Amino acid sequence: MPAVLIHGVPDTHRLWGDVRRHLSRTDVEAWDLPGFGAPLPEGFSSTKEEYVDWLIQRLDQFGEPVDLVGHDWGCILTARVAALRPDLVKTWAGSNGPVSATYQWHPLAEIWQSPAGDRFMAESNSTSWAELIAGFDIPVALAAATASHIDEHMKDCILNLYRSAVTVGAEWEPDLANVKAPSLVVWGALDPACQVEFGHRLGDSMHAVDIIELNCNHWTILQKPAEVAAILEAHWGQR
C-alpha cells in the first residue's frame, strides 16, 4: 500500500515535490485537501472535523493501512486519523503541527480566528503571502511559488479551519494515546510558531519510536527535503 503525504496551511500537494524526488519508493501519493488546490465537496464548510472525515473516507478506499505523513495542519489532521482509525494507518510521521492543550496559537492564527481575519484575507495578496512565508527562512523564489497558489477559496478555508480549532489541542490530545501505528515526529527546532517542545509532547503522547529535531524553521519539508526523505524511508523500513 502507498505512502500518503498531507500538506498544511497555506500549502498544496506541491509542498512535497522535493521530498518525493529524494524517495526511492514510487508508491507515494500527495493529496490536496479540499479548498487547497482541490474542489470543495458539496456542503463542505472546512472545519477540522470535516477534513478528518474526508481523509478517513479516502483512506478507507484503499482497503489496507497506509504509511501516513503530515506537515503542519497535515500533521494535526493525520494524527487525529491515526487516533480515531488505527486500522487505516500502518505507520505515521508528522512535523511541526502541535496537538496539545497547553499550546498557545501563534499571533497570526489568533487573527484568523477573530473577526480581524476577514480583513487580513481581503487585504492579502501573493506578494504579502510570499513575504510572510519567506519570513520562515524560505528562499524568496520558493516562497513566491507557494504563495502563487493561494486563492480566495483557500483563504476562506483557512479562516474556517482555524475558527473551528480554537481548542483543538484540548479536544484531540487525549485520544492520541489510542494511536497504534509506529509513529515518528520530525520537527524544525527553530520554528517560532510551533515550538519544538510541542514536537516532544506530541511524540510522547503518541508513544513515538523517535522524535527528531532538524536545524531549520517551520517548513521542514521545504528546507530539508533530502533529510526528511531519508528519515521517512528509514521509518518505513522498520515497520
C-alpha atoms as a PDB file:
ATOM      1  CA  MET A   1       0.000   0.000   0.000  1.00  0.00           C
ATOM      2  CA  PRO A   2       1.172   3.547  -0.688  1.00  0.00           C
ATOM      3  CA  ALA A   3       2.533   6.337   1.414  1.00  0.00           C
ATOM      4  CA  VAL A   4       0.123   9.275   1.605  1.00  0.00           C
ATOM      5  CA  LEU A   5       1.501  12.763   2.219  1.00  0.00           C
ATOM      6  CA  ILE A   6      -0.736  15.559   3.551  1.00  0.00           C
ATOM      7  CA  HIS A   7       0.230  19.235   3.436  1.00  0.00           C
ATOM      8  CA  GLY A   8      -0.664  22.039   5.816  1.00  0.00           C
ATOM      9  CA  VAL A   9      -1.559  25.758   5.614  1.00  0.00           C
ATOM     10  CA  PRO A  10      -1.171  27.555   3.243  1.00  0.00           C
ATOM     11  CA  ASP A  11       0.115  24.758   1.004  1.00  0.00           C
ATOM     12  CA  THR A  12      -0.936  22.242  -1.626  1.00  0.00           C
ATOM     13  CA  HIS A  13       0.430  18.847  -2.678  1.00  0.00           C
ATOM     14  CA  ARG A  14       3.319  20.738  -4.299  1.00  0.00           C
ATOM     15  CA  LEU A  15       4.880  21.078  -0.850  1.00  0.00           C
ATOM     16  CA  TRP A  16       6.153  17.513  -1.165  1.00  0.00           C
ATOM     17  CA  GLY A  17       7.797  17.810  -4.579  1.00  0.00           C
ATOM     18  CA  ASP A  18      11.438  17.874  -3.468  1.00  0.00           C
ATOM     19  CA  VAL A  19      10.913  15.224  -0.784  1.00  0.00           C
ATOM     20  CA  ARG A  20       9.350  12.884  -3.345  1.00  0.00           C
ATOM     21  CA  ARG A  21      12.303  13.373  -5.695  1.00  0.00           C
ATOM     22  CA  HIS A  22      14.590  12.076  -2.941  1.00  0.00           C
ATOM     23  CA  LEU A  23      12.472   8.995  -2.158  1.00  0.00           C
ATOM     24  CA  SER A  24      13.393   5.650  -3.664  1.00  0.00           C
ATOM     25  CA  ARG A  25       9.862   4.276  -3.489  1.00  0.00           C
ATOM     26  CA  THR A  26       7.382   5.229  -6.179  1.00  0.00           C
ATOM     27  CA  ASP A  27       4.110   4.292  -4.489  1.00  0.00           C
ATOM     28  CA  VAL A  28       3.737   7.733  -2.925  1.00  0.00           C
ATOM     29  CA  GLU A  29       0.696   9.993  -3.200  1.00  0.00           C
ATOM     30  CA  ALA A  30       0.494  13.645  -2.139  1.00  0.00           C
ATOM     31  CA  TRP A  31      -3.083  14.852  -1.774  1.00  0.00           C
ATOM     32  CA  ASP A  32      -4.624  18.304  -1.941  1.00  0.00           C
ATOM     33  CA  LEU A  33      -7.018  18.985   0.906  1.00  0.00           C
ATOM     34  CA  PRO A  34     -10.401  20.378  -0.175  1.00  0.00           C
ATOM     35  CA  GLY A  35     -10.082  24.083  -0.912  1.00  0.00           C
ATOM     36  CA  PHE A  36      -6.290  23.845  -1.079  1.00  0.00           C
ATOM     37  CA  GLY A  37      -5.913  23.240  -4.792  1.00  0.00           C
ATOM     38  CA  ALA A  38      -8.841  20.808  -4.831  1.00  0.00           C
ATOM     39  CA  PRO A  39     -12.580  21.491  -5.126  1.00  0.00           C
ATOM     40  CA  LEU A  40     -14.790  21.600  -2.078  1.00  0.00           C
ATOM     41  CA  PRO A  41     -17.322  18.779  -1.754  1.00  0.00           C
ATOM     42  CA  GLU A  42     -20.922  19.945  -1.685  1.00  0.00           C
ATOM     43  CA  GLY A  43     -21.823  21.285   1.753  1.00  0.00           C
ATOM     44  CA  PHE A  44     -18.206  21.203   2.959  1.00  0.00           C
ATOM     45  CA  SER A  45     -17.530  24.069   5.393  1.00  0.00           C
ATOM     46  CA  SER A  46     -13.820  23.389   6.066  1.00  0.00           C
ATOM     47  CA  THR A  47     -13.924  22.574   9.760  1.00  0.00           C
ATOM     48  CA  LYS A  48     -11.271  20.412  11.330  1.00  0.00           C
ATOM     49  CA  GLU A  49     -13.756  17.571  11.773  1.00  0.00           C
ATOM     50  CA  GLU A  50     -14.757  17.682   8.122  1.00  0.00           C
ATOM     51  CA  TYR A  51     -11.141  17.451   6.996  1.00  0.00           C
ATOM     52  CA  VAL A  52     -10.598  14.440   9.245  1.00  0.00           C
ATOM     53  CA  ASP A  53     -13.743  12.779   7.905  1.00  0.00           C
ATOM     54  CA  TRP A  54     -12.634  13.489   4.330  1.00  0.00           C
ATOM     55  CA  LEU A  55      -9.254  11.876   4.976  1.00  0.00           C
ATOM     56  CA  ILE A  56     -10.825   8.838   6.605  1.00  0.00           C
ATOM     57  CA  GLN A  57     -13.209   8.344   3.690  1.00  0.00           C
ATOM     58  CA  ARG A  58     -10.388   8.490   1.138  1.00  0.00           C
ATOM     59  CA  LEU A  59      -8.050   6.283   3.127  1.00  0.00           C
ATOM     60  CA  ASP A  60     -10.826   3.756   3.668  1.00  0.00           C
ATOM     61  CA  GLN A  61     -10.968   3.215  -0.080  1.00  0.00           C
ATOM     62  CA  PHE A  62      -7.547   1.551  -0.075  1.00  0.00           C
ATOM     63  CA  GLY A  63      -8.814  -1.376   1.984  1.00  0.00           C
ATOM     64  CA  GLU A  64      -5.445  -1.697   3.735  1.00  0.00           C
ATOM     65  CA  PRO A  65      -3.437   0.582   6.038  1.00  0.00           C
ATOM     66  CA  VAL A  66      -1.019   3.123   4.536  1.00  0.00           C
ATOM     67  CA  ASP A  67       2.123   4.950   5.560  1.00  0.00           C
ATOM     68  CA  LEU A  68       0.639   8.310   6.550  1.00  0.00           C
ATOM     69  CA  VAL A  69       2.670  11.523   6.734  1.00  0.00           C
ATOM     70  CA  GLY A  70       1.589  15.075   7.548  1.00  0.00           C
ATOM     71  CA  HIS A  71       3.122  18.516   7.938  1.00  0.00           C
ATOM     72  CA  ASP A  72       1.659  21.469   9.850  1.00  0.00           C
ATOM     73  CA  TRP A  73      -2.133  21.052   9.686  1.00  0.00           C
ATOM     74  CA  GLY A  74      -1.476  17.821   7.814  1.00  0.00           C
ATOM     75  CA  CYS A  75       0.310  16.618  10.939  1.00  0.00           C
ATOM     76  CA  ILE A  76      -2.601  17.613  13.185  1.00  0.00           C
ATOM     77  CA  LEU A  77      -5.246  16.046  10.955  1.00  0.00           C
ATOM     78  CA  THR A  78      -3.398  12.799  10.269  1.00  0.00           C
ATOM     79  CA  ALA A  79      -2.607  12.367  13.959  1.00  0.00           C
ATOM     80  CA  ARG A  80      -6.347  12.579  14.566  1.00  0.00           C
ATOM     81  CA  VAL A  81      -6.971   9.989  11.854  1.00  0.00           C
ATOM     82  CA  ALA A  82      -4.413   7.671  13.443  1.00  0.00           C
ATOM     83  CA  ALA A  83      -6.142   8.070  16.806  1.00  0.00           C
ATOM     84  CA  LEU A  84      -9.671   7.505  15.505  1.00  0.00           C
ATOM     85  CA  ARG A  85      -8.966   4.822  12.908  1.00  0.00           C
ATOM     86  CA  PRO A  86      -5.821   2.871  13.787  1.00  0.00           C
ATOM     87  CA  ASP A  87      -6.824   0.271  11.201  1.00  0.00           C
ATOM     88  CA  LEU A  88      -6.120   2.757   8.385  1.00  0.00           C
ATOM     89  CA  VAL A  89      -2.544   3.589   9.377  1.00  0.00           C
ATOM     90  CA  LYS A  90       0.452   1.271   9.033  1.00  0.00           C
ATOM     91  CA  THR A  91       2.970   3.932  10.103  1.00  0.00           C
ATOM     92  CA  TRP A  92       2.584   7.603  10.931  1.00  0.00           C
ATOM     93  CA  ALA A  93       5.011  10.523  10.711  1.00  0.00           C
ATOM     94  CA  GLY A  94       4.355  14.191  11.335  1.00  0.00           C
ATOM     95  CA  SER A  95       6.151  17.509  11.506  1.00  0.00           C
ATOM     96  CA  ASN A  96       5.503  20.912  13.065  1.00  0.00           C
ATOM     97  CA  GLY A  97       1.837  20.526  13.853  1.00  0.00           C
ATOM     98  CA  PRO A  98       1.162  20.673  17.612  1.00  0.00           C
ATOM     99  CA  VAL A  99      -1.701  18.828  19.290  1.00  0.00           C
ATOM    100  CA  SER A 100      -1.504  19.997  22.872  1.00  0.00           C
ATOM    101  CA  ALA A 101      -3.868  21.526  25.398  1.00  0.00           C
ATOM    102  CA  THR A 102      -1.014  23.781  26.517  1.00  0.00           C
ATOM    103  CA  TYR A 103      -0.152  25.109  23.054  1.00  0.00           C
ATOM    104  CA  GLN A 104      -0.925  28.807  22.563  1.00  0.00           C
ATOM    105  CA  TRP A 105      -1.896  29.608  18.985  1.00  0.00           C
ATOM    106  CA  HIS A 106       0.597  31.904  17.266  1.00  0.00           C
ATOM    107  CA  PRO A 107      -0.432  35.562  16.711  1.00  0.00           C
ATOM    108  CA  LEU A 108      -1.400  35.112  13.059  1.00  0.00           C
ATOM    109  CA  ALA A 109      -3.656  32.170  13.910  1.00  0.00           C
ATOM    110  CA  GLU A 110      -5.323  34.301  16.564  1.00  0.00           C
ATOM    111  CA  ILE A 111      -6.018  36.963  13.948  1.00  0.00           C
ATOM    112  CA  TRP A 112      -7.564  34.358  11.624  1.00  0.00           C
ATOM    113  CA  GLN A 113      -9.709  33.098  14.489  1.00  0.00           C
ATOM    114  CA  SER A 114     -11.052  36.605  15.134  1.00  0.00           C
ATOM    115  CA  PRO A 115     -13.169  38.980  13.013  1.00  0.00           C
ATOM    116  CA  ALA A 116      -9.905  40.686  12.010  1.00  0.00           C
ATOM    117  CA  GLY A 117      -9.114  37.606   9.940  1.00  0.00           C
ATOM    118  CA  ASP A 118     -11.619  38.635   7.286  1.00  0.00           C
ATOM    119  CA  ARG A 119      -9.831  41.934   6.776  1.00  0.00           C
ATOM    120  CA  PHE A 120      -6.453  40.195   6.759  1.00  0.00           C
ATOM    121  CA  MET A 121      -7.551  37.873   3.964  1.00  0.00           C
ATOM    122  CA  ALA A 122      -9.247  40.644   1.977  1.00  0.00           C
ATOM    123  CA  GLU A 123      -6.083  42.744   2.034  1.00  0.00           C
ATOM    124  CA  SER A 124      -3.630  39.886   1.423  1.00  0.00           C
ATOM    125  CA  ASN A 125      -2.166  39.108  -1.983  1.00  0.00           C
ATOM    126  CA  SER A 126       0.558  36.944  -3.486  1.00  0.00           C
ATOM    127  CA  THR A 127       3.243  39.451  -2.545  1.00  0.00           C
ATOM    128  CA  SER A 128       2.240  39.723   1.106  1.00  0.00           C
ATOM    129  CA  TRP A 129       1.876  35.950   1.399  1.00  0.00           C
ATOM    130  CA  ALA A 130       5.296  35.415  -0.161  1.00  0.00           C
ATOM    131  CA  GLU A 131       6.843  37.836   2.335  1.00  0.00           C
ATOM    132  CA  LEU A 132       5.131  36.022   5.190  1.00  0.00           C
ATOM    133  CA  ILE A 133       6.362  32.610   4.052  1.00  0.00           C
ATOM    134  CA  ALA A 134       9.881  33.885   3.349  1.00  0.00           C
ATOM    135  CA  GLY A 135       9.991  35.081   6.956  1.00  0.00           C
ATOM    136  CA  PHE A 136      10.258  31.422   7.973  1.00  0.00           C
ATOM    137  CA  ASP A 137      13.672  31.144   6.281  1.00  0.00           C
ATOM    138  CA  ILE A 138      12.218  30.018   2.944  1.00  0.00           C
ATOM    139  CA  PRO A 139      14.057  31.229  -0.200  1.00  0.00           C
ATOM    140  CA  VAL A 140      12.222  34.093  -1.886  1.00  0.00           C
ATOM    141  CA  ALA A 141      11.562  32.220  -5.136  1.00  0.00           C
ATOM    142  CA  LEU A 142      10.201  29.196  -3.308  1.00  0.00           C
ATOM    143  CA  ALA A 143       8.045  31.372  -1.060  1.00  0.00           C
ATOM    144  CA  ALA A 144       6.662  33.153  -4.128  1.00  0.00           C
ATOM    145  CA  ALA A 145       5.858  29.821  -5.797  1.00  0.00           C
ATOM    146  CA  THR A 146       3.972  28.683  -2.695  1.00  0.00           C
ATOM    147  CA  ALA A 147       2.098  31.976  -2.425  1.00  0.00           C
ATOM    148  CA  SER A 148       1.050  31.856  -6.083  1.00  0.00           C
ATOM    149  CA  HIS A 149      -1.378  29.014  -5.327  1.00  0.00           C
ATOM    150  CA  ILE A 150      -3.228  30.840  -2.539  1.00  0.00           C
ATOM    151  CA  ASP A 151      -6.624  31.845  -3.913  1.00  0.00           C
ATOM    152  CA  GLU A 152      -9.867  33.137  -2.433  1.00  0.00           C
ATOM    153  CA  HIS A 153     -11.167  29.606  -1.824  1.00  0.00           C
ATOM    154  CA  MET A 154      -8.064  28.748   0.188  1.00  0.00           C
ATOM    155  CA  LYS A 155      -8.320  31.947   2.200  1.00  0.00           C
ATOM    156  CA  ASP A 156     -11.891  31.114   3.190  1.00  0.00           C
ATOM    157  CA  CYS A 157     -10.912  27.557   4.097  1.00  0.00           C
ATOM    158  CA  ILE A 158      -8.048  28.787   6.264  1.00  0.00           C
ATOM    159  CA  LEU A 159     -10.387  31.038   8.224  1.00  0.00           C
ATOM    160  CA  ASN A 160     -12.991  28.322   8.705  1.00  0.00           C
ATOM    161  CA  LEU A 161     -10.405  25.726   9.684  1.00  0.00           C
ATOM    162  CA  TYR A 162      -8.724  27.925  12.270  1.00  0.00           C
ATOM    163  CA  ARG A 163     -12.021  29.141  13.679  1.00  0.00           C
ATOM    164  CA  SER A 164     -13.092  25.539  14.227  1.00  0.00           C
ATOM    165  CA  ALA A 165      -9.847  24.804  16.036  1.00  0.00           C
ATOM    166  CA  VAL A 166      -9.534  27.315  18.869  1.00  0.00           C
ATOM    167  CA  THR A 167      -9.402  24.455  21.410  1.00  0.00           C
ATOM    168  CA  VAL A 168      -8.234  21.629  19.143  1.00  0.00           C
ATOM    169  CA  GLY A 169      -5.376  20.681  21.466  1.00  0.00           C
ATOM    170  CA  ALA A 170      -7.627  20.149  24.466  1.00  0.00           C
ATOM    171  CA  GLU A 171     -10.143  18.299  22.302  1.00  0.00           C
ATOM    172  CA  TRP A 172      -7.805  15.954  20.453  1.00  0.00           C
ATOM    173  CA  GLU A 173      -4.743  15.424  22.640  1.00  0.00           C
ATOM    174  CA  PRO A 174      -6.316  12.822  24.986  1.00  0.00           C
ATOM    175  CA  ASP A 175      -7.133  10.475  22.084  1.00  0.00           C
ATOM    176  CA  LEU A 176      -3.529  10.384  20.849  1.00  0.00           C
ATOM    177  CA  ALA A 177      -2.980   7.545  23.319  1.00  0.00           C
ATOM    178  CA  ASN A 178      -5.146   5.401  21.016  1.00  0.00           C
ATOM    179  CA  VAL A 179      -2.592   5.517  18.188  1.00  0.00           C
ATOM    180  CA  LYS A 180      -1.292   2.029  17.422  1.00  0.00           C
ATOM    181  CA  ALA A 181       0.924   2.663  14.391  1.00  0.00           C
ATOM    182  CA  PRO A 182       4.679   3.105  14.816  1.00  0.00           C
ATOM    183  CA  SER A 183       4.956   6.887  14.948  1.00  0.00           C
ATOM    184  CA  LEU A 184       7.714   9.349  14.214  1.00  0.00           C
ATOM    185  CA  VAL A 185       7.904  13.078  14.931  1.00  0.00           C
ATOM    186  CA  VAL A 186      10.236  15.295  12.866  1.00  0.00           C
ATOM    187  CA  TRP A 187      10.395  18.923  13.980  1.00  0.00           C
ATOM    188  CA  GLY A 188      12.042  22.073  12.753  1.00  0.00           C
ATOM    189  CA  ALA A 189      13.653  23.135  16.002  1.00  0.00           C
ATOM    190  CA  LEU A 190      13.845  26.828  15.027  1.00  0.00           C
ATOM    191  CA  ASP A 191      10.092  27.180  14.454  1.00  0.00           C
ATOM    192  CA  PRO A 192       8.848  30.260  16.378  1.00  0.00           C
ATOM    193  CA  ALA A 193       5.171  29.470  15.749  1.00  0.00           C
ATOM    194  CA  CYS A 194       5.147  25.774  16.723  1.00  0.00           C
ATOM    195  CA  GLN A 195       7.904  25.483  19.299  1.00  0.00           C
ATOM    196  CA  VAL A 196       9.958  22.308  19.444  1.00  0.00           C
ATOM    197  CA  GLU A 197       8.740  21.433  22.933  1.00  0.00           C
ATOM    198  CA  PHE A 198       5.386  20.622  21.345  1.00  0.00           C
ATOM    199  CA  GLY A 199       7.067  18.196  18.993  1.00  0.00           C
ATOM    200  CA  HIS A 200       8.328  16.311  22.016  1.00  0.00           C
ATOM    201  CA  ARG A 201       4.931  16.488  23.679  1.00  0.00           C
ATOM    202  CA  LEU A 202       3.278  15.125  20.536  1.00  0.00           C
ATOM    203  CA  GLY A 203       5.791  12.303  20.326  1.00  0.00           C
ATOM    204  CA  ASP A 204       5.309  11.408  23.974  1.00  0.00           C
ATOM    205  CA  SER A 205       1.526  11.415  23.587  1.00  0.00           C
ATOM    206  CA  MET A 206       1.732   9.066  20.596  1.00  0.00           C
ATOM    207  CA  HIS A 207       4.466   6.850  22.111  1.00  0.00           C
ATOM    208  CA  ALA A 208       6.625   7.709  19.108  1.00  0.00           C
ATOM    209  CA  VAL A 209       9.545   5.492  18.221  1.00  0.00           C
ATOM    210  CA  ASP A 210      11.645   8.631  17.740  1.00  0.00           C
ATOM    211  CA  ILE A 211      11.478  12.414  17.931  1.00  0.00           C
ATOM    212  CA  ILE A 212      13.954  14.039  15.557  1.00  0.00           C
ATOM    213  CA  GLU A 213      14.903  17.715  15.700  1.00  0.00           C
ATOM    214  CA  LEU A 214      16.118  19.318  12.472  1.00  0.00           C
ATOM    215  CA  ASN A 215      18.130  22.535  12.386  1.00  0.00           C
ATOM    216  CA  CYS A 216      15.533  24.504  10.444  1.00  0.00           C
ATOM    217  CA  ASN A 217      12.392  26.581  10.754  1.00  0.00           C
ATOM    218  CA  HIS A 218       8.728  25.607  10.361  1.00  0.00           C
ATOM    219  CA  TRP A 219       8.783  24.254   6.803  1.00  0.00           C
ATOM    220  CA  THR A 220      10.963  21.174   7.341  1.00  0.00           C
ATOM    221  CA  ILE A 221       9.652  19.733   4.073  1.00  0.00           C
ATOM    222  CA  LEU A 222      10.937  22.673   2.033  1.00  0.00           C
ATOM    223  CA  GLN A 223      14.132  23.361   3.946  1.00  0.00           C
ATOM    224  CA  LYS A 224      15.420  19.813   4.466  1.00  0.00           C
ATOM    225  CA  PRO A 225      13.851  17.636   1.731  1.00  0.00           C
ATOM    226  CA  ALA A 226      16.724  15.166   1.419  1.00  0.00           C
ATOM    227  CA  GLU A 227      16.976  14.693   5.173  1.00  0.00           C
ATOM    228  CA  VAL A 228      13.220  14.306   5.532  1.00  0.00           C
ATOM    229  CA  ALA A 229      13.117  11.742   2.730  1.00  0.00           C
ATOM    230  CA  ALA A 230      15.908   9.699   4.317  1.00  0.00           C
ATOM    231  CA  ILE A 231      14.216   9.856   7.721  1.00  0.00           C
ATOM    232  CA  LEU A 232      10.917   8.702   6.253  1.00  0.00           C
ATOM    233  CA  GLU A 233      12.431   5.784   4.361  1.00  0.00           C
ATOM    234  CA  ALA A 234      14.268   4.620   7.472  1.00  0.00           C
ATOM    235  CA  HIS A 235      10.999   4.854   9.400  1.00  0.00           C
ATOM    236  CA  TRP A 236       9.073   2.891   6.784  1.00  0.00           C
ATOM    237  CA  GLY A 237      11.824   0.281   6.651  1.00  0.00           C
ATOM    238  CA  GLN A 238      11.308  -0.572  10.333  1.00  0.00           C
ATOM    239  CA  ARG A 239       7.621  -1.401  10.030  1.00  0.00           C
END
